[in-house]
């Protein structure tokens, strides 16, 4: 009985025969990253041959120069916890930033991408690549290393077997059978883990990359809406489009969403008191403008954050202005100054 050939899923888009080829491609990739073409749409071309190797999705890709940007919105929409391994099948010209780590084709032909972290990379020429997406858990202990944007080559210690195997695998894709799939998937995971153990930074990667990025984006939303009386954890959650539990986990390091909103409003109130030189506004009015509906609540919260009551800060205001203090711009100096008065 003959073995069953592994099924190939072909996705072919060519602007020469399909006027909306790029739009179809952009929509199809929208959950993974934003795409910007580096050449006219009229010459757009993309060929993707996909294979399901049990626990690993593999694709041979041919395309034109383009820019790929993956951000928090893509990561949250993705929902998985995966690692992408990309191998250049020809000398592709690319460069990018992987969450602060610069990477380029000059460093090798295989790169590792943590799909739970952002990246921004540009392929400057037409390219041919082999893509593999596998569960993070398949890498075992190596999955905890900081490998986002790591680039290796067949000349690197610990990486020769991975590079050689991927090249052999790519050359034999058309002959793979369903019986080969599980074996190929295990081999990719084992050899990739070995390469990471040999070349990845020993400093573990961020164990909460999604929460870290969500905190950054949530803080930006809060800063933009601090003057909005309707600002609340629920409003922040809706703006980010995430679950309540995920939002609260992200803000745990700063004491929670409500506490962070209140702290930032107090910081603004601190500066407002120092700026109100002619005392044109009462302390109650300043507190109200910054989200406090009770004078007593404003005074208690202010004292708890800065160690001084709003009234005393106003009386000491000229000295504070001479020191150039600002709760927004120089929080450490503010605390030191308040302890000294």
Protein backbone atom coordinates (compact mmCIF):
# COMPACT_ATOMS: atom_id res chain seq x y z
CA UNK A 1 0.00 0.00 0.00
CA UNK A 2 1.51 3.34 -1.04
CA UNK A 3 2.00 6.12 1.48
CA UNK A 4 -0.24 9.18 1.31
CA UNK A 5 1.48 12.33 0.20
CA UNK A 6 1.29 15.26 2.59
CA UNK A 7 -1.41 17.71 1.54
CA UNK A 8 -0.23 21.02 0.10
CA UNK A 9 -2.33 24.17 0.46
CA UNK A 10 -1.44 26.64 -2.27
CA UNK A 11 -2.19 30.38 -2.01
CA UNK A 12 -1.20 32.20 -5.19
CA UNK A 13 -1.79 35.92 -5.73
CA UNK A 14 -0.57 37.84 -8.77
CA UNK A 15 -1.48 41.44 -9.58
CA UNK A 16 -0.95 40.70 -13.28
CA UNK A 17 -4.08 38.54 -13.31
CA UNK A 18 -5.89 39.76 -10.15
CA UNK A 19 -6.50 43.48 -9.78
CA UNK A 20 -7.15 43.11 -6.03
CA UNK A 21 -4.31 40.67 -5.36
CA UNK A 22 -2.54 42.83 -2.78
CA UNK A 23 -5.77 43.69 -0.95
CA UNK A 24 -6.59 39.98 -0.65
CA UNK A 25 -3.08 39.37 0.68
CA UNK A 26 -3.27 42.27 3.13
CA UNK A 27 -6.61 41.07 4.48
CA UNK A 28 -5.40 37.49 4.74
CA UNK A 29 -2.39 38.55 6.84
CA UNK A 30 -4.20 41.24 8.89
CA UNK A 31 -4.36 39.12 12.05
CA UNK A 32 -0.58 38.57 11.96
CA UNK A 33 0.88 41.92 10.92
CA UNK A 34 0.38 45.11 8.92
CA UNK A 35 1.95 45.06 5.48
CA UNK A 36 3.35 47.90 3.38
CA UNK A 37 4.57 47.21 -0.15
CA UNK A 38 7.97 48.59 -1.12
CA UNK A 39 7.08 48.59 -4.82
CA UNK A 40 3.99 49.41 -6.92
CA UNK A 41 0.93 47.20 -6.39
CA UNK A 42 0.98 46.44 -10.11
CA UNK A 43 3.98 44.14 -9.61
CA UNK A 44 2.74 42.46 -6.45
CA UNK A 45 3.18 38.70 -6.34
CA UNK A 46 2.94 36.14 -3.56
CA UNK A 47 3.08 32.37 -3.60
CA UNK A 48 2.61 30.39 -0.40
CA UNK A 49 2.77 26.59 -0.23
CA UNK A 50 1.52 25.44 3.15
CA UNK A 51 1.93 22.08 4.89
CA UNK A 52 0.63 20.83 8.23
CA UNK A 53 3.35 18.79 9.91
CA UNK A 54 1.33 17.56 12.86
CA UNK A 55 2.20 20.23 15.49
CA UNK A 56 4.17 22.48 13.11
CA UNK A 57 2.77 24.62 10.30
CA UNK A 58 5.29 24.98 7.50
CA UNK A 59 5.13 27.28 4.48
CA UNK A 60 7.39 27.95 1.53
CA UNK A 61 6.96 31.58 0.52
CA UNK A 62 7.91 33.64 -2.52
CA UNK A 63 7.12 37.35 -2.55
CA UNK A 64 8.10 40.93 -3.33
CA UNK A 65 9.77 43.56 -1.16
CA UNK A 66 7.55 44.61 1.74
CA UNK A 67 7.45 45.76 5.34
CA UNK A 68 5.93 43.66 8.14
CA UNK A 69 4.80 45.32 11.41
CA UNK A 70 3.41 43.29 14.32
CA UNK A 71 2.03 45.22 17.28
CA UNK A 72 -0.02 44.69 20.42
CA UNK A 73 -3.32 44.55 18.54
CA UNK A 74 -2.07 41.65 16.39
CA UNK A 75 -0.68 39.81 19.40
CA UNK A 76 -3.93 40.10 21.32
CA UNK A 77 -5.99 39.05 18.29
CA UNK A 78 -3.73 36.09 17.63
CA UNK A 79 -4.57 34.25 20.82
CA UNK A 80 -1.86 31.62 20.41
CA UNK A 81 1.55 31.24 22.03
CA UNK A 82 3.85 30.40 19.18
CA UNK A 83 7.36 30.78 17.82
CA UNK A 84 8.13 31.56 14.19
CA UNK A 85 11.31 30.25 12.55
CA UNK A 86 12.20 31.72 9.15
CA UNK A 87 14.90 30.40 6.84
CA UNK A 88 16.19 32.34 3.83
CA UNK A 89 16.24 30.04 0.80
CA UNK A 90 18.18 32.61 -1.26
CA UNK A 91 20.34 35.58 -0.12
CA UNK A 92 17.38 37.74 0.90
CA UNK A 93 18.06 41.36 1.88
CA UNK A 94 16.15 42.23 5.05
CA UNK A 95 16.56 44.17 8.29
CA UNK A 96 14.34 44.91 11.26
CA UNK A 97 13.82 45.70 14.90
CA UNK A 98 12.57 42.94 17.19
CA UNK A 99 11.31 44.68 20.30
CA UNK A 100 14.58 46.56 20.68
CA UNK A 101 16.92 44.00 19.13
CA UNK A 102 18.25 44.92 15.66
CA UNK A 103 18.54 42.03 13.22
CA UNK A 104 19.40 41.59 9.55
CA UNK A 105 20.29 39.06 6.88
CA UNK A 106 23.96 39.93 7.39
CA UNK A 107 24.01 37.80 10.55
CA UNK A 108 22.78 34.51 9.08
CA UNK A 109 19.99 32.75 7.26
CA UNK A 110 17.70 31.50 10.05
CA UNK A 111 15.86 33.80 12.44
CA UNK A 112 13.71 33.13 15.48
CA UNK A 113 10.65 35.28 16.20
CA UNK A 114 8.67 35.32 19.44
CA UNK A 115 5.11 35.91 18.22
CA UNK A 116 4.12 37.26 21.66
CA UNK A 117 6.37 40.29 21.08
CA UNK A 118 6.26 43.10 18.49
CA UNK A 119 8.57 43.54 15.53
CA UNK A 120 9.07 45.79 12.53
CA UNK A 121 11.08 44.38 9.63
CA UNK A 122 11.50 45.16 5.96
CA UNK A 123 12.48 42.84 3.13
CA UNK A 124 14.20 45.13 0.65
CA UNK A 125 14.16 42.70 -2.27
CA UNK A 126 12.07 39.89 -3.70
CA UNK A 127 12.46 36.90 -1.40
CA UNK A 128 12.16 33.13 -1.00
CA UNK A 129 11.78 31.79 2.52
CA UNK A 130 10.72 28.78 4.53
CA UNK A 131 8.44 29.61 7.49
CA UNK A 132 7.72 27.32 10.44
CA UNK A 133 5.27 28.10 13.25
CA UNK A 134 5.39 25.86 16.31
CA UNK A 135 3.99 26.00 19.85
CA UNK A 136 6.31 27.64 22.35
CA UNK A 137 5.97 24.60 24.60
CA UNK A 138 7.56 22.42 21.89
CA UNK A 139 10.91 24.11 22.61
CA UNK A 140 10.97 22.92 26.22
CA UNK A 141 13.27 24.84 28.54
CA UNK A 142 14.72 26.77 25.58
CA UNK A 143 11.36 28.55 25.25
CA UNK A 144 12.23 30.71 28.28
CA UNK A 145 15.36 32.20 26.67
CA UNK A 146 15.45 35.63 25.06
CA UNK A 147 15.56 34.65 21.38
CA UNK A 148 13.29 37.27 19.75
CA UNK A 149 15.12 38.42 16.60
CA UNK A 150 18.01 35.97 17.04
CA UNK A 151 19.68 35.19 13.69
CA UNK A 152 21.91 32.14 13.19
CA UNK A 153 23.75 30.45 10.33
CA UNK A 154 25.09 27.03 9.46
CA UNK A 155 28.54 28.25 10.48
CA UNK A 156 27.44 28.88 14.08
CA UNK A 157 28.26 26.33 16.74
CA UNK A 158 25.17 24.41 17.75
CA UNK A 159 23.20 25.51 14.69
CA UNK A 160 24.71 23.45 11.87
CA UNK A 161 22.31 20.53 12.25
CA UNK A 162 19.24 22.80 12.31
CA UNK A 163 20.28 24.68 9.16
CA UNK A 164 21.25 21.48 7.32
CA UNK A 165 18.00 19.76 8.29
CA UNK A 166 15.82 22.69 7.23
CA UNK A 167 17.54 22.82 3.84
CA UNK A 168 17.05 19.07 3.37
CA UNK A 169 13.43 19.33 4.51
CA UNK A 170 12.68 22.14 2.07
CA UNK A 171 14.20 20.16 -0.79
CA UNK A 172 12.01 17.13 -0.04
CA UNK A 173 8.69 18.82 0.72
CA UNK A 174 7.04 17.49 -2.42
CA UNK A 175 7.90 13.92 -1.37
CA UNK A 176 6.81 14.12 2.27
CA UNK A 177 4.09 11.71 3.36
CA UNK A 178 1.58 11.97 6.19
CA UNK A 179 3.69 9.41 8.05
CA UNK A 180 6.68 11.79 7.83
CA UNK A 181 4.82 14.75 9.31
CA UNK A 182 5.08 13.95 13.04
CA UNK A 183 8.74 12.96 12.72
CA UNK A 184 9.58 16.16 10.84
CA UNK A 185 7.78 18.29 13.43
CA UNK A 186 9.66 16.67 16.32
CA UNK A 187 12.98 17.07 14.51
CA UNK A 188 12.37 20.79 13.91
CA UNK A 189 11.50 21.36 17.58
CA UNK A 190 14.49 19.40 18.95
CA UNK A 191 17.04 20.98 16.60
CA UNK A 192 15.59 24.47 17.11
CA UNK A 193 15.76 24.05 20.89
CA UNK A 194 19.38 22.94 20.56
CA UNK A 195 20.24 25.99 18.47
CA UNK A 196 18.61 28.29 21.02
CA UNK A 197 20.44 26.64 23.89
CA UNK A 198 23.69 27.23 22.02
CA UNK A 199 23.12 30.76 20.75
CA UNK A 200 20.29 32.53 22.60
CA UNK A 201 21.06 34.93 25.43
CA UNK A 202 21.17 33.20 28.77
CA UNK A 203 19.05 36.00 30.23
CA UNK A 204 15.50 34.68 30.18
CA UNK A 205 13.00 36.47 27.99
CA UNK A 206 10.22 38.53 29.50
CA UNK A 207 7.82 35.98 31.04
CA UNK A 208 4.86 38.34 30.52
CA UNK A 209 5.46 40.04 27.16
CA UNK A 210 1.77 40.54 26.36
CA UNK A 211 1.01 42.05 29.76
CA UNK A 212 4.05 44.30 29.46
CA UNK A 213 2.92 45.69 26.12
CA UNK A 214 -0.68 45.95 27.31
CA UNK A 215 0.47 47.99 30.30
CA UNK A 216 2.34 50.36 28.00
CA UNK A 217 -0.64 50.77 25.69
CA UNK A 218 -3.04 51.12 28.63
CA UNK A 219 -0.92 53.86 30.15
CA UNK A 220 -0.98 55.70 26.83
CA UNK A 221 -4.79 55.50 26.72
CA UNK A 222 -5.01 56.81 30.30
CA UNK A 223 -2.63 59.71 29.60
CA UNK A 224 -4.75 60.73 26.61
CA UNK A 225 -8.00 60.63 28.60
CA UNK A 226 -6.96 61.96 32.02
CA UNK A 227 -9.21 65.01 31.62
CA UNK A 228 -12.20 62.83 30.72
CA UNK A 229 -14.53 62.52 33.73
CA UNK A 230 -15.73 59.19 32.28
CA UNK A 231 -12.23 57.67 32.42
CA UNK A 232 -12.42 54.33 34.23
CA UNK A 233 -10.93 50.81 34.08
CA UNK A 234 -13.91 49.76 31.96
CA UNK A 235 -13.29 52.54 29.45
CA UNK A 236 -9.61 51.52 29.21
CA UNK A 237 -10.63 47.88 28.75
CA UNK A 238 -13.01 48.79 25.93
CA UNK A 239 -10.40 50.94 24.18
CA UNK A 240 -7.88 48.09 24.27
CA UNK A 241 -10.41 45.40 23.42
CA UNK A 242 -9.21 42.91 26.05
CA UNK A 243 -10.77 40.97 28.89
CA UNK A 244 -11.07 42.50 32.36
CA UNK A 245 -8.82 39.81 33.85
CA UNK A 246 -6.04 40.42 31.31
CA UNK A 247 -6.20 44.18 31.86
CA UNK A 248 -5.98 43.77 35.63
CA UNK A 249 -3.02 41.36 35.31
CA UNK A 250 -1.21 43.87 33.13
CA UNK A 251 -1.66 46.67 35.68
CA UNK A 252 -0.70 44.58 38.72
CA UNK A 253 2.91 45.90 38.75
CA UNK A 254 1.64 49.50 39.17
CA UNK A 255 -1.02 48.73 41.77
CA UNK A 256 -4.03 48.28 39.49
CA UNK A 257 -5.89 50.31 36.88
CA UNK A 258 -7.89 52.50 39.25
CA UNK A 259 -4.85 53.22 41.42
CA UNK A 260 -2.78 54.18 38.37
CA UNK A 261 -5.49 56.53 37.06
CA UNK A 262 -5.77 58.20 40.46
CA UNK A 263 -1.99 58.53 40.81
CA UNK A 264 -1.63 60.21 37.43
CA UNK A 265 -4.49 62.59 38.21
CA UNK A 266 -2.84 63.48 41.50
CA UNK A 267 0.42 64.14 39.66
CA UNK A 268 -1.43 66.57 37.39
CA UNK A 269 -3.15 68.20 40.38
CA UNK A 270 0.28 68.66 42.03
CA UNK A 271 1.52 70.60 39.03
CA UNK A 272 -1.76 72.51 38.72
CA UNK A 273 -1.39 73.80 42.29
CA UNK A 274 2.17 74.98 41.57
CA UNK A 275 1.07 76.68 38.34
CA UNK A 276 -1.89 78.46 39.96
CA UNK A 277 0.28 81.32 41.23
CA UNK A 278 -2.56 83.83 41.65
CA UNK A 279 -4.72 81.22 43.38
CA UNK A 280 -7.45 81.75 40.82
CA UNK A 281 -8.91 78.34 41.65
CA UNK A 282 -9.77 76.81 44.98
CA UNK A 283 -8.19 73.51 45.93
CA UNK A 284 -11.63 71.94 45.64
CA UNK A 285 -11.90 73.18 42.04
CA UNK A 286 -8.48 71.78 41.18
CA UNK A 287 -9.40 68.46 42.73
CA UNK A 288 -12.70 68.39 40.83
CA UNK A 289 -10.96 69.13 37.51
CA UNK A 290 -8.75 66.13 38.14
CA UNK A 291 -11.46 63.62 38.85
CA UNK A 292 -12.13 64.06 42.58
CA UNK A 293 -15.73 64.76 43.53
CA UNK A 294 -14.99 65.18 47.24
CA UNK A 295 -12.62 67.73 48.80
CA UNK A 296 -11.92 65.33 51.65
CA UNK A 297 -11.14 62.45 49.28
CA UNK A 298 -8.82 64.69 47.24
CA UNK A 299 -6.97 65.87 50.34
CA UNK A 300 -6.54 62.34 51.75
CA UNK A 301 -5.37 60.88 48.44
CA UNK A 302 -3.01 63.81 47.82
CA UNK A 303 -1.42 63.49 51.26
CA UNK A 304 -1.07 59.72 50.86
CA UNK A 305 0.78 60.12 47.54
CA UNK A 306 3.00 63.12 48.32
CA UNK A 307 3.21 63.23 52.10
CA UNK A 308 1.86 66.78 52.21
CA UNK A 309 -1.65 68.26 52.10
CA UNK A 310 -2.70 70.31 49.05
CA UNK A 311 -3.05 73.42 51.21
CA UNK A 312 0.49 73.18 52.55
CA UNK A 313 1.86 72.64 49.04
CA UNK A 314 0.08 75.82 47.97
CA UNK A 315 1.62 77.76 50.86
CA UNK A 316 5.06 76.41 49.93
CA UNK A 317 4.38 76.91 46.24
CA UNK A 318 6.89 79.68 45.56
CA UNK A 319 9.74 77.64 47.06
CA UNK A 320 8.63 74.66 44.99
CA UNK A 321 8.59 76.75 41.82
CA UNK A 322 12.07 78.07 42.52
CA UNK A 323 13.26 74.47 42.74
CA UNK A 324 11.59 73.78 39.40
CA UNK A 325 9.82 70.73 40.79
CA UNK A 326 7.18 68.85 38.86
CA UNK A 327 5.37 65.68 39.85
CA UNK A 328 5.10 64.79 36.17
CA UNK A 329 8.66 65.46 35.06
CA UNK A 330 10.79 64.97 38.19
CA UNK A 331 9.01 62.57 40.56
CA UNK A 332 12.16 61.55 42.42
CA UNK A 333 13.09 65.18 43.10
CA UNK A 334 9.54 65.90 44.21
CA UNK A 335 9.68 63.20 46.86
CA UNK A 336 13.13 64.30 48.06
CA UNK A 337 12.04 67.94 48.27
CA UNK A 338 8.85 67.14 50.17
CA UNK A 339 10.74 65.07 52.71
CA UNK A 340 13.03 68.04 53.36
CA UNK A 341 10.34 70.68 54.07
